[in-house]
Amino acid sequence: MEDVLEVYQTPYNPLRPVVCIDETNKQLIKEERIPCEPGNPEKVDSVYIRNGVANEHIF
């Protein structure tokens, strides 16, 4: 960990910029909605449909 901290303390060099990288995954879900009818408002059910996962790589 100390080696990583030393990298962030080095002076700025435009030829060798410091780049941060992060990675995470997210679950993709789809909400199930009951359509509205005349006289009844739209309802949102607490049940969801799993729609897969996505991996995010952030630089």
PDB file of N, CA and C in Angstrom:
ATOM      1  N   MET A   1       0.826  -1.196   0.000  1.00  0.00           N
ATOM      2  CA  MET A   1       0.000   0.000   0.000  1.00  0.00           C
ATOM      3  C   MET A   1       0.863   1.249   0.000  1.00  0.00           C
ATOM      4  N   GLU A   2       1.986   1.219   0.724  1.00  0.00           N
ATOM      5  CA  GLU A   2       2.865   2.380   0.777  1.00  0.00           C
ATOM      6  C   GLU A   2       3.425   2.710  -0.602  1.00  0.00           C
ATOM      7  N   ASP A   3       3.677   1.668  -1.431  1.00  0.00           N
ATOM      8  CA  ASP A   3       4.185   1.911  -2.781  1.00  0.00           C
ATOM      9  C   ASP A   3       3.182   2.691  -3.613  1.00  0.00           C
ATOM     10  N   VAL A   4       1.923   2.382  -3.455  1.00  0.00           N
ATOM     11  CA  VAL A   4       0.878   3.093  -4.199  1.00  0.00           C
ATOM     12  C   VAL A   4       0.804   4.546  -3.748  1.00  0.00           C
ATOM     13  N   LEU A   5       0.905   4.785  -2.452  1.00  0.00           N
ATOM     14  CA  LEU A   5       0.841   6.150  -1.946  1.00  0.00           C
ATOM     15  C   LEU A   5       2.011   6.992  -2.448  1.00  0.00           C
ATOM     16  N   GLU A   6       3.184   6.363  -2.604  1.00  0.00           N
ATOM     17  CA  GLU A   6       4.331   7.090  -3.144  1.00  0.00           C
ATOM     18  C   GLU A   6       4.088   7.553  -4.575  1.00  0.00           C
ATOM     19  N   VAL A   7       3.374   6.772  -5.355  1.00  0.00           N
ATOM     20  CA  VAL A   7       3.073   7.144  -6.740  1.00  0.00           C
ATOM     21  C   VAL A   7       2.251   8.432  -6.771  1.00  0.00           C
ATOM     22  N   TYR A   8       1.290   8.572  -5.879  1.00  0.00           N
ATOM     23  CA  TYR A   8       0.436   9.756  -5.872  1.00  0.00           C
ATOM     24  C   TYR A   8       1.162  10.988  -5.335  1.00  0.00           C
ATOM     25  N   GLN A   9       2.306  10.806  -4.666  1.00  0.00           N
ATOM     26  CA  GLN A   9       3.058  11.936  -4.149  1.00  0.00           C
ATOM     27  C   GLN A   9       4.113  12.436  -5.133  1.00  0.00           C
ATOM     28  N   THR A  10       4.306  11.729  -6.241  1.00  0.00           N
ATOM     29  CA  THR A  10       5.297  12.173  -7.220  1.00  0.00           C
ATOM     30  C   THR A  10       4.807  13.437  -7.917  1.00  0.00           C
ATOM     31  N   PRO A  11       5.731  14.322  -8.350  1.00  0.00           N
ATOM     32  CA  PRO A  11       5.323  15.540  -9.062  1.00  0.00           C
ATOM     33  C   PRO A  11       4.644  15.198 -10.390  1.00  0.00           C
ATOM     34  N   TYR A  12       3.812  16.111 -10.848  1.00  0.00           N
ATOM     35  CA  TYR A  12       3.078  15.892 -12.102  1.00  0.00           C
ATOM     36  C   TYR A  12       4.053  15.841 -13.269  1.00  0.00           C
ATOM     37  N   ASN A  13       3.899  14.831 -14.108  1.00  0.00           N
ATOM     38  CA  ASN A  13       4.708  14.677 -15.308  1.00  0.00           C
ATOM     39  C   ASN A  13       3.757  14.445 -16.474  1.00  0.00           C
ATOM     40  N   PRO A  14       3.659  15.406 -17.423  1.00  0.00           N
ATOM     41  CA  PRO A  14       2.710  15.241 -18.531  1.00  0.00           C
ATOM     42  C   PRO A  14       3.029  14.051 -19.438  1.00  0.00           C
ATOM     43  N   LEU A  15       4.282  13.585 -19.414  1.00  0.00           N
ATOM     44  CA  LEU A  15       4.637  12.430 -20.242  1.00  0.00           C
ATOM     45  C   LEU A  15       4.247  11.099 -19.576  1.00  0.00           C
ATOM     46  N   ARG A  16       4.082  11.098 -18.253  1.00  0.00           N
ATOM     47  CA  ARG A  16       3.683   9.897 -17.515  1.00  0.00           C
ATOM     48  C   ARG A  16       2.587  10.247 -16.509  1.00  0.00           C
ATOM     49  N   PRO A  17       1.379  10.538 -16.978  1.00  0.00           N
ATOM     50  CA  PRO A  17       0.307  10.912 -16.042  1.00  0.00           C
ATOM     51  C   PRO A  17      -0.123   9.721 -15.191  1.00  0.00           C
ATOM     52  N   VAL A  18      -0.601  10.014 -13.988  1.00  0.00           N
ATOM     53  CA  VAL A  18      -1.122   8.988 -13.094  1.00  0.00           C
ATOM     54  C   VAL A  18      -2.593   8.766 -13.442  1.00  0.00           C
ATOM     55  N   VAL A  19      -2.967   7.517 -13.684  1.00  0.00           N
ATOM     56  CA  VAL A  19      -4.337   7.172 -14.068  1.00  0.00           C
ATOM     57  C   VAL A  19      -4.929   6.264 -12.998  1.00  0.00           C
ATOM     58  N   CYS A  20      -6.109   6.606 -12.507  1.00  0.00           N
ATOM     59  CA  CYS A  20      -6.807   5.782 -11.525  1.00  0.00           C
ATOM     60  C   CYS A  20      -7.730   4.812 -12.254  1.00  0.00           C
ATOM     61  N   ILE A  21      -7.779   3.585 -11.787  1.00  0.00           N
ATOM     62  CA  ILE A  21      -8.615   2.547 -12.399  1.00  0.00           C
ATOM     63  C   ILE A  21      -9.498   1.940 -11.311  1.00  0.00           C
ATOM     64  N   ASP A  22     -10.795   1.757 -11.639  1.00  0.00           N
ATOM     65  CA  ASP A  22     -11.710   1.101 -10.711  1.00  0.00           C
ATOM     66  C   ASP A  22     -12.596   0.154 -11.508  1.00  0.00           C
ATOM     67  N   GLU A  23     -13.124  -0.840 -10.835  1.00  0.00           N
ATOM     68  CA  GLU A  23     -13.939  -1.853 -11.492  1.00  0.00           C
ATOM     69  C   GLU A  23     -15.079  -2.243 -10.564  1.00  0.00           C
ATOM     70  N   THR A  24     -16.265  -2.423 -11.125  1.00  0.00           N
ATOM     71  CA  THR A  24     -17.416  -2.848 -10.341  1.00  0.00           C
ATOM     72  C   THR A  24     -18.389  -3.593 -11.252  1.00  0.00           C
ATOM     73  N   ASN A  25     -19.342  -4.294 -10.672  1.00  0.00           N
ATOM     74  CA  ASN A  25     -20.393  -4.920 -11.464  1.00  0.00           C
ATOM     75  C   ASN A  25     -21.750  -4.494 -10.903  1.00  0.00           C
ATOM     76  N   LYS A  26     -22.716  -4.393 -11.772  1.00  0.00           N
ATOM     77  CA  LYS A  26     -24.067  -3.969 -11.402  1.00  0.00           C
ATOM     78  C   LYS A  26     -25.076  -4.991 -11.893  1.00  0.00           C
ATOM     79  N   GLN A  27     -26.085  -5.224 -11.074  1.00  0.00           N
ATOM     80  CA  GLN A  27     -27.179  -6.100 -11.483  1.00  0.00           C
ATOM     81  C   GLN A  27     -28.210  -5.265 -12.216  1.00  0.00           C
ATOM     82  N   LEU A  28     -28.585  -5.696 -13.398  1.00  0.00           N
ATOM     83  CA  LEU A  28     -29.578  -4.979 -14.201  1.00  0.00           C
ATOM     84  C   LEU A  28     -30.950  -5.573 -13.905  1.00  0.00           C
ATOM     85  N   ILE A  29     -31.880  -4.716 -13.513  1.00  0.00           N
ATOM     86  CA  ILE A  29     -33.224  -5.191 -13.178  1.00  0.00           C
ATOM     87  C   ILE A  29     -34.270  -4.416 -13.981  1.00  0.00           C
ATOM     88  N   LYS A  30     -35.404  -5.018 -14.134  1.00  0.00           N
ATOM     89  CA  LYS A  30     -36.539  -4.406 -14.821  1.00  0.00           C
ATOM     90  C   LYS A  30     -37.717  -4.444 -13.853  1.00  0.00           C
ATOM     91  N   GLU A  31     -38.315  -3.284 -13.600  1.00  0.00           N
ATOM     92  CA  GLU A  31     -39.464  -3.224 -12.696  1.00  0.00           C
ATOM     93  C   GLU A  31     -40.723  -3.672 -13.432  1.00  0.00           C
ATOM     94  N   GLU A  32     -41.572  -4.363 -12.714  1.00  0.00           N
ATOM     95  CA  GLU A  32     -42.851  -4.803 -13.270  1.00  0.00           C
ATOM     96  C   GLU A  32     -43.902  -3.768 -12.899  1.00  0.00           C
ATOM     97  N   ARG A  33     -44.542  -3.170 -13.879  1.00  0.00           N
ATOM     98  CA  ARG A  33     -45.563  -2.145 -13.632  1.00  0.00           C
ATOM     99  C   ARG A  33     -46.930  -2.640 -14.099  1.00  0.00           C
ATOM    100  N   ILE A  34     -47.932  -2.327 -13.321  1.00  0.00           N
ATOM    101  CA  ILE A  34     -49.309  -2.650 -13.685  1.00  0.00           C
ATOM    102  C   ILE A  34     -49.878  -1.407 -14.367  1.00  0.00           C
ATOM    103  N   PRO A  35     -50.276  -1.500 -15.632  1.00  0.00           N
ATOM    104  CA  PRO A  35     -50.736  -0.315 -16.346  1.00  0.00           C
ATOM    105  C   PRO A  35     -51.988   0.292 -15.714  1.00  0.00           C
ATOM    106  N   CYS A  36     -52.126   1.588 -15.894  1.00  0.00           N
ATOM    107  CA  CYS A  36     -53.286   2.262 -15.309  1.00  0.00           C
ATOM    108  C   CYS A  36     -54.507   2.086 -16.202  1.00  0.00           C
ATOM    109  N   GLU A  37     -55.639   2.167 -15.570  1.00  0.00           N
ATOM    110  CA  GLU A  37     -56.930   2.081 -16.251  1.00  0.00           C
ATOM    111  C   GLU A  37     -57.716   3.328 -15.881  1.00  0.00           C
ATOM    112  N   PRO A  38     -58.765   3.633 -16.598  1.00  0.00           N
ATOM    113  CA  PRO A  38     -59.560   4.814 -16.233  1.00  0.00           C
ATOM    114  C   PRO A  38     -60.047   4.712 -14.789  1.00  0.00           C
ATOM    115  N   GLY A  39     -59.721   5.715 -13.983  1.00  0.00           N
ATOM    116  CA  GLY A  39     -60.137   5.751 -12.588  1.00  0.00           C
ATOM    117  C   GLY A  39     -59.153   5.094 -11.623  1.00  0.00           C
ATOM    118  N   ASN A  40     -58.157   4.381 -12.117  1.00  0.00           N
ATOM    119  CA  ASN A  40     -57.142   3.737 -11.270  1.00  0.00           C
ATOM    120  C   ASN A  40     -55.753   4.234 -11.660  1.00  0.00           C
ATOM    121  N   PRO A  41     -54.977   4.705 -10.700  1.00  0.00           N
ATOM    122  CA  PRO A  41     -53.627   5.165 -11.026  1.00  0.00           C
ATOM    123  C   PRO A  41     -52.689   3.991 -11.328  1.00  0.00           C
ATOM    124  N   GLU A  42     -51.556   4.296 -11.962  1.00  0.00           N
ATOM    125  CA  GLU A  42     -50.556   3.275 -12.254  1.00  0.00           C
ATOM    126  C   GLU A  42     -49.975   2.735 -10.946  1.00  0.00           C
ATOM    127  N   LYS A  43     -49.723   1.436 -10.920  1.00  0.00           N
ATOM    128  CA  LYS A  43     -49.191   0.807  -9.712  1.00  0.00           C
ATOM    129  C   LYS A  43     -47.814   0.225 -10.010  1.00  0.00           C
ATOM    130  N   VAL A  44     -46.926   0.281  -9.015  1.00  0.00           N
ATOM    131  CA  VAL A  44     -45.601  -0.308  -9.145  1.00  0.00           C
ATOM    132  C   VAL A  44     -45.532  -1.502  -8.198  1.00  0.00           C
ATOM    133  N   ASP A  45     -45.241  -2.673  -8.753  1.00  0.00           N
ATOM    134  CA  ASP A  45     -45.139  -3.883  -7.949  1.00  0.00           C
ATOM    135  C   ASP A  45     -43.727  -3.971  -7.369  1.00  0.00           C
ATOM    136  N   SER A  46     -43.587  -4.588  -6.208  1.00  0.00           N
ATOM    137  CA  SER A  46     -42.272  -4.711  -5.587  1.00  0.00           C
ATOM    138  C   SER A  46     -41.447  -5.841  -6.198  1.00  0.00           C
ATOM    139  N   VAL A  47     -42.007  -6.571  -7.132  1.00  0.00           N
ATOM    140  CA  VAL A  47     -41.301  -7.662  -7.792  1.00  0.00           C
ATOM    141  C   VAL A  47     -40.548  -7.096  -8.986  1.00  0.00           C
ATOM    142  N   TYR A  48     -39.307  -7.568  -9.176  1.00  0.00           N
ATOM    143  CA  TYR A  48     -38.540  -7.132 -10.331  1.00  0.00           C
ATOM    144  C   TYR A  48     -38.045  -8.351 -11.102  1.00  0.00           C
ATOM    145  N   ILE A  49     -37.709  -8.114 -12.350  1.00  0.00           N
ATOM    146  CA  ILE A  49     -37.222  -9.171 -13.226  1.00  0.00           C
ATOM    147  C   ILE A  49     -35.727  -8.964 -13.414  1.00  0.00           C
ATOM    148  N   ARG A  50     -34.931 -10.001 -13.174  1.00  0.00           N
ATOM    149  CA  ARG A  50     -33.491  -9.884 -13.365  1.00  0.00           C
ATOM    150  C   ARG A  50     -33.185  -9.821 -14.851  1.00  0.00           C
ATOM    151  N   ASN A  51     -32.373  -8.838 -15.228  1.00  0.00           N
ATOM    152  CA  ASN A  51     -32.075  -8.605 -16.633  1.00  0.00           C
ATOM    153  C   ASN A  51     -30.595  -8.814 -16.937  1.00  0.00           C
ATOM    154  N   GLY A  52     -29.866  -9.507 -16.076  1.00  0.00           N
ATOM    155  CA  GLY A  52     -28.446  -9.764 -16.290  1.00  0.00           C
ATOM    156  C   GLY A  52     -27.568  -8.878 -15.426  1.00  0.00           C
ATOM    157  N   VAL A  53     -26.279  -8.870 -15.738  1.00  0.00           N
ATOM    158  CA  VAL A  53     -25.312  -8.050 -15.009  1.00  0.00           C
ATOM    159  C   VAL A  53     -24.427  -7.300 -16.011  1.00  0.00           C
ATOM    160  N   ALA A  54     -23.818  -6.230 -15.544  1.00  0.00           N
ATOM    161  CA  ALA A  54     -22.893  -5.458 -16.374  1.00  0.00           C
ATOM    162  C   ALA A  54     -21.634  -5.176 -15.564  1.00  0.00           C
ATOM    163  N   ASN A  55     -20.494  -5.301 -16.203  1.00  0.00           N
ATOM    164  CA  ASN A  55     -19.214  -4.977 -15.574  1.00  0.00           C
ATOM    165  C   ASN A  55     -18.811  -3.577 -16.020  1.00  0.00           C
ATOM    166  N   GLU A  56     -18.443  -2.731 -15.061  1.00  0.00           N
ATOM    167  CA  GLU A  56     -18.015  -1.372 -15.366  1.00  0.00           C
ATOM    168  C   GLU A  56     -16.540  -1.228 -15.062  1.00  0.00           C
ATOM    169  N   HIS A  57     -15.799  -0.683 -16.003  1.00  0.00           N
ATOM    170  CA  HIS A  57     -14.387  -0.383 -15.819  1.00  0.00           C
ATOM    171  C   HIS A  57     -14.235   1.130 -15.951  1.00  0.00           C
ATOM    172  N   ILE A  58     -13.759   1.774 -14.904  1.00  0.00           N
ATOM    173  CA  ILE A  58     -13.699   3.223 -14.851  1.00  0.00           C
ATOM    174  C   ILE A  58     -12.238   3.664 -14.797  1.00  0.00           C
ATOM    175  N   PHE A  59     -11.860   4.564 -15.697  1.00  0.00           N
ATOM    176  CA  PHE A  59     -10.499   5.100 -15.718  1.00  0.00           C
ATOM    177  C   PHE A  59     -10.539   6.578 -15.394  1.00  0.00           C
TER     178      PHE A  59
END
